Amino acid sequence: MTAVIRTATAADDPALAALWRRCFDAPHIAALHALDPERHRHTFIAENTEGGIDAVVVHVPRLIRDAHGTPQRVGGIGSVATRPEARGQGLIRRLLAAAERTMTAEQCAWSLLFTGTPGVYRSSGWQEFAVTYTEGTLAPAAGGPDALPVREATARDAVEVAALHHAYNAGRPLSSLRAPEDWAVRVPAWYGPAEPSLVAVDPASGALTGWIVAQHVGDCVDVREFAGTAGGLGTLLTAVGARARAAGLTRARVRIPGSPAVTAALPVLLTDARQTTEHTGMARPLHATPASVRATVTAPGAVHWYGDCF
């Protein structure tokens, strides 16, 4: 069966939503897709001879900081799906080639994706890079002076949290510049309302000193993201640990990039800390040199927060 590779139109939206529902337990994909006003010409589909959609690849343009902290246009690849009956025909490879041509024409410096199945992407020019996080046994409660007040974040905190995030990541390689629509749709889509984010508050001024997202996954509390001061980090990790112990969890995982402040704060959350490396990130140079892309994804402190996924 020969498939036609083309860009999507608005008429394809119901079929795309149905394909994503079939392939993923992720009802937010359609909402993320709608964030891009140019989404149809950034969406590449394989149409079969019966007029149905067999596969899809979406290019998501983002501004991501390079190794020097300078924002660069990057082509994110996401929402990749193939109808089970159409697998093994090389459709994704053909769709990636179409996406690569558009990303190059739109002056993307490089392309980024995250996957647990790298084979098809590797053969299309994407290369894996390491992502390191810290994990260990959940630490017991420790006595000590009262920390800063901690509470669940609310909608009223949105502007202040966005400012904390921007300041914390201002020079951080691999981090995204978030637009208001990212805060309104993308971040809630990936973090969800089930495990609310927490904020630490300076009691004197009422200003936020930190924001953290920690989700419960099995018997583990997974710290997905942080922004704020060193003092805010220690306070929030203490609060995360207390909530995790109350929920009966026994392990902790922290995805905050290493720094002296992070190293000093970690013992309040976990013991027997160990570094774990995974290779779920993949990058492909376009207009940028391979060396500059490698410098970005391997730079000290580099992180692409989970809430920025495509």
Protein backbone atom coordinates (compact mmCIF):
# COMPACT_ATOMS: atom_id res chain seq x y z
CA MET A 1 0.00 0.00 0.00
CA THR A 2 1.46 3.38 -1.04
CA ALA A 3 0.80 6.30 1.28
CA VAL A 4 0.77 9.95 0.25
CA ILE A 5 2.83 12.23 2.50
CA ARG A 6 1.28 15.68 2.93
CA THR A 7 0.62 18.41 5.45
CA ALA A 8 -2.63 18.37 7.39
CA THR A 9 -5.70 20.54 6.93
CA ALA A 10 -8.45 21.52 9.36
CA ALA A 11 -10.57 18.77 7.83
CA ASP A 12 -8.07 16.21 9.19
CA ASP A 13 -8.50 17.29 12.82
CA PRO A 14 -11.15 14.67 13.79
CA ALA A 15 -9.12 11.84 12.23
CA LEU A 16 -5.93 13.04 13.92
CA ALA A 17 -7.67 13.19 17.30
CA ALA A 18 -8.99 9.66 16.77
CA LEU A 19 -5.53 8.35 15.86
CA TRP A 20 -3.97 9.95 18.95
CA ARG A 21 -6.74 8.54 21.16
CA ARG A 22 -6.08 5.08 19.74
CA CYS A 23 -2.31 5.24 20.18
CA PHE A 24 -1.95 7.20 23.46
CA ASP A 25 -3.64 7.53 26.82
CA ALA A 26 -3.10 11.29 26.59
CA PRO A 27 -6.29 13.31 26.06
CA HIS A 28 -4.33 16.56 26.19
CA ILE A 29 -2.54 16.00 22.85
CA ALA A 30 -5.20 17.78 20.81
CA ALA A 31 -5.05 20.79 23.15
CA LEU A 32 -1.26 20.95 22.81
CA HIS A 33 -1.57 20.67 19.04
CA ALA A 34 -3.95 23.64 19.01
CA LEU A 35 -1.32 25.91 20.63
CA ASP A 36 0.45 26.43 17.30
CA PRO A 37 -1.48 28.76 14.96
CA GLU A 38 0.50 27.22 12.07
CA ARG A 39 -0.19 23.68 13.27
CA HIS A 40 -1.61 22.33 10.03
CA ARG A 41 1.43 23.13 7.94
CA HIS A 42 3.59 21.81 10.82
CA THR A 43 1.65 18.51 10.89
CA PHE A 44 2.74 15.81 8.45
CA ILE A 45 0.47 12.88 7.72
CA ALA A 46 0.62 9.67 5.73
CA GLU A 47 -2.70 9.27 3.93
CA ASN A 48 -3.62 5.80 2.67
CA THR A 49 -5.40 4.96 -0.57
CA GLU A 50 -8.76 4.93 1.21
CA GLY A 51 -8.29 8.52 2.43
CA GLY A 52 -7.53 7.56 6.04
CA ILE A 53 -4.56 8.69 8.11
CA ASP A 54 -2.00 5.96 8.77
CA ALA A 55 0.66 8.02 10.59
CA VAL A 56 1.45 11.50 11.84
CA VAL A 57 4.48 13.56 12.92
CA VAL A 58 4.13 17.08 14.34
CA HIS A 59 6.81 19.80 14.28
CA VAL A 60 6.44 22.15 17.27
CA PRO A 61 8.51 25.36 16.92
CA ARG A 62 9.99 26.50 20.24
CA LEU A 63 12.51 29.01 21.54
CA ILE A 64 15.14 27.08 23.51
CA ARG A 65 18.30 28.47 25.08
CA ASP A 66 21.63 27.27 23.70
CA ALA A 67 24.85 26.51 25.58
CA HIS A 68 25.37 30.26 26.08
CA GLY A 69 21.82 30.90 27.28
CA THR A 70 20.81 32.52 23.97
CA PRO A 71 17.32 31.61 22.68
CA GLN A 72 17.36 29.71 19.39
CA ARG A 73 14.49 28.53 17.21
CA VAL A 74 14.27 24.77 17.67
CA GLY A 75 11.97 22.28 15.98
CA GLY A 76 10.39 20.00 18.54
CA ILE A 77 9.07 16.67 17.27
CA GLY A 78 6.04 15.25 19.03
CA SER A 79 2.64 13.53 18.79
CA VAL A 80 4.21 10.82 16.62
CA ALA A 81 1.75 7.99 15.98
CA THR A 82 1.15 5.16 13.51
CA ARG A 83 -2.00 3.13 13.10
CA PRO A 84 -1.06 -0.41 14.28
CA GLU A 85 -2.11 -1.97 10.97
CA ALA A 86 0.22 0.39 9.07
CA ARG A 87 3.40 -0.16 11.05
CA GLY A 88 6.56 -1.47 9.43
CA GLN A 89 6.14 0.50 6.21
CA GLY A 90 8.70 3.24 6.95
CA LEU A 91 6.02 5.91 7.24
CA ILE A 92 7.55 7.71 10.22
CA ARG A 93 10.90 7.93 8.45
CA ARG A 94 9.21 9.58 5.46
CA LEU A 95 7.28 11.96 7.71
CA LEU A 96 10.44 12.91 9.59
CA ALA A 97 12.09 13.77 6.27
CA ALA A 98 9.18 16.08 5.43
CA ALA A 99 9.36 17.69 8.87
CA GLU A 100 13.12 18.17 8.52
CA ARG A 101 12.64 20.06 5.27
CA THR A 102 10.09 22.41 6.83
CA MET A 103 12.17 22.98 9.98
CA THR A 104 15.19 23.81 7.85
CA ALA A 105 13.17 26.20 5.67
CA GLU A 106 11.84 27.91 8.80
CA GLN A 107 15.40 28.49 10.04
CA CYS A 108 15.30 26.11 13.00
CA ALA A 109 18.83 25.79 14.37
CA TRP A 110 18.28 22.18 15.38
CA SER A 111 15.57 19.67 16.30
CA LEU A 112 14.73 18.07 19.65
CA LEU A 113 12.58 15.14 20.71
CA PHE A 114 12.14 12.73 23.60
CA THR A 115 11.39 9.04 23.13
CA GLY A 116 11.74 5.60 24.59
CA THR A 117 12.09 4.07 21.10
CA PRO A 118 15.07 5.80 19.46
CA GLY A 119 15.64 3.47 16.52
CA VAL A 120 13.59 5.19 13.82
CA TYR A 121 14.84 8.62 14.87
CA ARG A 122 18.47 7.53 15.01
CA SER A 123 18.30 6.26 11.45
CA SER A 124 16.82 9.64 10.41
CA GLY A 125 19.68 11.69 11.83
CA TRP A 126 18.73 12.32 15.45
CA GLN A 127 21.32 11.39 18.09
CA GLU A 128 20.73 10.50 21.73
CA PHE A 129 22.03 12.47 24.67
CA ALA A 130 22.16 11.65 28.35
CA VAL A 131 19.75 13.02 30.97
CA THR A 132 20.80 12.57 34.59
CA TYR A 133 18.65 12.68 37.71
CA THR A 134 19.09 11.81 41.40
CA GLU A 135 17.13 9.16 43.24
CA GLY A 136 17.17 7.39 46.58
CA THR A 137 15.19 6.38 49.64
CA LEU A 138 12.75 8.93 50.99
CA ALA A 139 14.36 10.62 53.99
CA PRO A 140 12.70 10.42 57.42
CA ALA A 141 11.21 13.53 58.96
CA ALA A 142 13.82 15.75 60.58
CA GLY A 143 13.36 18.27 63.35
CA GLY A 144 14.62 21.82 63.07
CA PRO A 145 13.53 25.41 62.91
CA ASP A 146 10.30 26.27 61.15
CA ALA A 147 10.78 26.73 57.43
CA LEU A 148 9.13 29.31 55.22
CA PRO A 149 5.38 28.86 54.81
CA VAL A 150 4.42 26.47 52.02
CA ARG A 151 1.04 26.18 50.32
CA GLU A 152 -0.47 24.89 47.12
CA ALA A 153 -0.11 27.25 44.18
CA THR A 154 -3.25 29.00 42.98
CA ALA A 155 -4.26 30.85 39.82
CA ARG A 156 -3.41 34.11 41.60
CA ASP A 157 0.26 33.02 41.70
CA ALA A 158 0.54 32.63 37.93
CA VAL A 159 2.38 35.86 37.12
CA GLU A 160 4.80 35.50 40.02
CA VAL A 161 5.51 31.84 39.26
CA ALA A 162 6.21 32.69 35.61
CA ALA A 163 8.64 35.39 36.75
CA LEU A 164 10.40 32.93 39.09
CA HIS A 165 10.69 30.44 36.25
CA HIS A 166 12.10 33.02 33.84
CA ALA A 167 14.69 34.26 36.36
CA TYR A 168 15.77 30.76 37.42
CA ASN A 169 16.27 29.65 33.81
CA ALA A 170 17.54 32.94 32.34
CA GLY A 171 20.89 31.48 31.31
CA ARG A 172 20.08 27.77 31.51
CA PRO A 173 20.94 25.69 28.41
CA LEU A 174 18.16 23.55 26.95
CA SER A 175 15.38 25.39 28.82
CA SER A 176 12.41 26.83 26.92
CA LEU A 177 11.12 30.38 26.92
CA ARG A 178 7.53 29.93 28.00
CA ALA A 179 4.80 32.09 26.50
CA PRO A 180 1.51 32.81 28.32
CA GLU A 181 -0.23 30.09 26.31
CA ASP A 182 2.36 27.57 27.53
CA TRP A 183 1.50 28.40 31.12
CA ALA A 184 -2.21 28.24 30.33
CA VAL A 185 -2.19 24.94 28.39
CA ARG A 186 1.16 23.17 28.04
CA VAL A 187 2.28 23.18 31.69
CA PRO A 188 -1.12 22.02 33.09
CA ALA A 189 -1.36 19.39 30.34
CA TRP A 190 1.88 17.72 31.43
CA TYR A 191 1.67 18.31 35.18
CA GLY A 192 -2.10 18.16 35.63
CA PRO A 193 -4.20 19.19 38.61
CA ALA A 194 -3.98 15.87 40.48
CA GLU A 195 -0.76 16.68 42.34
CA PRO A 196 -0.82 20.47 42.79
CA SER A 197 2.38 22.44 42.61
CA LEU A 198 3.62 24.08 45.80
CA VAL A 199 5.00 27.54 46.50
CA ALA A 200 7.17 28.83 49.36
CA VAL A 201 6.30 32.28 50.67
CA ASP A 202 8.45 34.90 52.39
CA PRO A 203 6.38 35.76 55.51
CA ALA A 204 7.78 39.28 55.70
CA SER A 205 7.04 40.41 52.15
CA GLY A 206 4.53 37.81 50.97
CA ALA A 207 6.66 37.25 47.87
CA LEU A 208 7.15 33.76 46.47
CA THR A 209 10.64 32.34 46.97
CA GLY A 210 10.11 29.06 45.18
CA TRP A 211 7.79 26.89 43.09
CA ILE A 212 7.99 23.11 42.74
CA VAL A 213 6.14 20.33 40.95
CA ALA A 214 6.35 16.87 42.55
CA GLN A 215 4.17 14.01 41.32
CA HIS A 216 3.49 10.66 42.96
CA VAL A 217 4.38 7.76 40.65
CA GLY A 218 3.95 4.34 42.23
CA ASP A 219 5.95 4.30 45.47
CA CYS A 220 8.07 7.27 44.38
CA VAL A 221 7.71 11.04 44.61
CA ASP A 222 9.11 12.49 41.38
CA VAL A 223 10.26 16.13 41.57
CA ARG A 224 9.66 17.30 38.01
CA GLU A 225 10.50 21.00 38.16
CA PHE A 226 11.69 23.82 40.43
CA ALA A 227 12.24 27.55 40.17
CA GLY A 228 13.31 29.97 42.91
CA THR A 229 15.96 30.63 45.52
CA ALA A 230 18.18 28.17 47.38
CA GLY A 231 16.20 28.79 50.57
CA GLY A 232 12.96 28.17 48.77
CA LEU A 233 14.30 24.88 47.41
CA GLY A 234 15.11 23.45 50.85
CA THR A 235 11.75 24.50 52.20
CA LEU A 236 9.84 23.01 49.30
CA LEU A 237 11.75 19.72 49.30
CA THR A 238 10.96 19.38 53.01
CA ALA A 239 7.27 19.90 52.25
CA VAL A 240 7.38 17.44 49.34
CA GLY A 241 8.93 14.83 51.63
CA ALA A 242 6.27 15.32 54.31
CA ARG A 243 3.47 14.88 51.79
CA ALA A 244 5.15 11.83 50.26
CA ARG A 245 5.59 10.13 53.65
CA ALA A 246 1.95 10.85 54.51
CA ALA A 247 0.95 9.13 51.24
CA GLY A 248 3.00 6.04 52.14
CA LEU A 249 5.71 6.56 49.52
CA THR A 250 9.21 5.20 50.14
CA ARG A 251 11.42 6.59 47.36
CA ALA A 252 12.24 9.97 45.83
CA ARG A 253 13.50 11.10 42.44
CA VAL A 254 14.76 14.63 41.71
CA ARG A 255 15.12 16.00 38.17
CA ILE A 256 16.55 19.40 39.15
CA PRO A 257 19.99 20.00 37.57
CA GLY A 258 22.87 19.71 39.98
CA SER A 259 24.40 22.73 41.70
CA PRO A 260 25.93 23.36 45.14
CA ALA A 261 22.54 24.63 46.37
CA VAL A 262 20.76 21.53 45.07
CA THR A 263 23.35 19.20 46.59
CA ALA A 264 22.99 20.93 49.96
CA ALA A 265 19.19 20.68 49.90
CA LEU A 266 18.74 17.07 48.73
CA PRO A 267 19.27 15.34 52.11
CA VAL A 268 15.96 16.73 53.42
CA LEU A 269 14.17 14.65 50.76
CA LEU A 270 16.25 11.54 50.09
CA THR A 271 19.00 9.37 51.50
CA ASP A 272 21.56 7.10 49.78
CA ALA A 273 21.36 9.47 46.81
CA ARG A 274 22.64 8.07 43.53
CA GLN A 275 22.86 9.41 40.01
CA THR A 276 20.85 7.69 37.29
CA THR A 277 21.26 8.33 33.58
CA GLU A 278 18.73 7.79 30.82
CA HIS A 279 18.98 8.43 27.09
CA THR A 280 15.49 9.56 26.14
CA GLY A 281 16.52 12.89 24.61
CA MET A 282 17.54 13.11 20.94
CA ALA A 283 18.83 16.05 18.90
CA ARG A 284 19.46 16.69 15.21
CA PRO A 285 21.48 19.65 13.87
CA LEU A 286 19.83 21.69 11.11
CA HIS A 287 21.41 25.12 10.64
CA ALA A 288 23.52 24.80 13.81
CA THR A 289 26.74 22.83 13.84
CA PRO A 290 26.75 19.38 15.45
CA ALA A 291 29.33 20.65 17.97
CA SER A 292 27.12 23.53 19.10
CA VAL A 293 24.09 21.27 19.52
CA ARG A 294 26.14 18.76 21.50
CA ALA A 295 27.46 21.61 23.65
CA THR A 296 23.89 22.65 24.48
CA VAL A 297 22.49 19.25 25.41
CA THR A 298 25.58 18.33 27.50
CA ALA A 299 26.16 21.72 29.17
CA PRO A 300 26.37 21.82 32.99
CA GLY A 301 22.93 22.60 34.39
CA ALA A 302 21.16 21.91 31.09
CA VAL A 303 17.56 20.82 31.49
CA HIS A 304 14.45 20.61 29.36
CA TRP A 305 11.67 20.64 31.94
CA TYR A 306 8.98 17.99 31.56
CA GLY A 307 6.34 20.73 31.42
CA ASP A 308 7.80 21.94 28.11
CA CYS A 309 7.37 18.64 26.27
CA PHE A 310 5.85 18.62 22.81
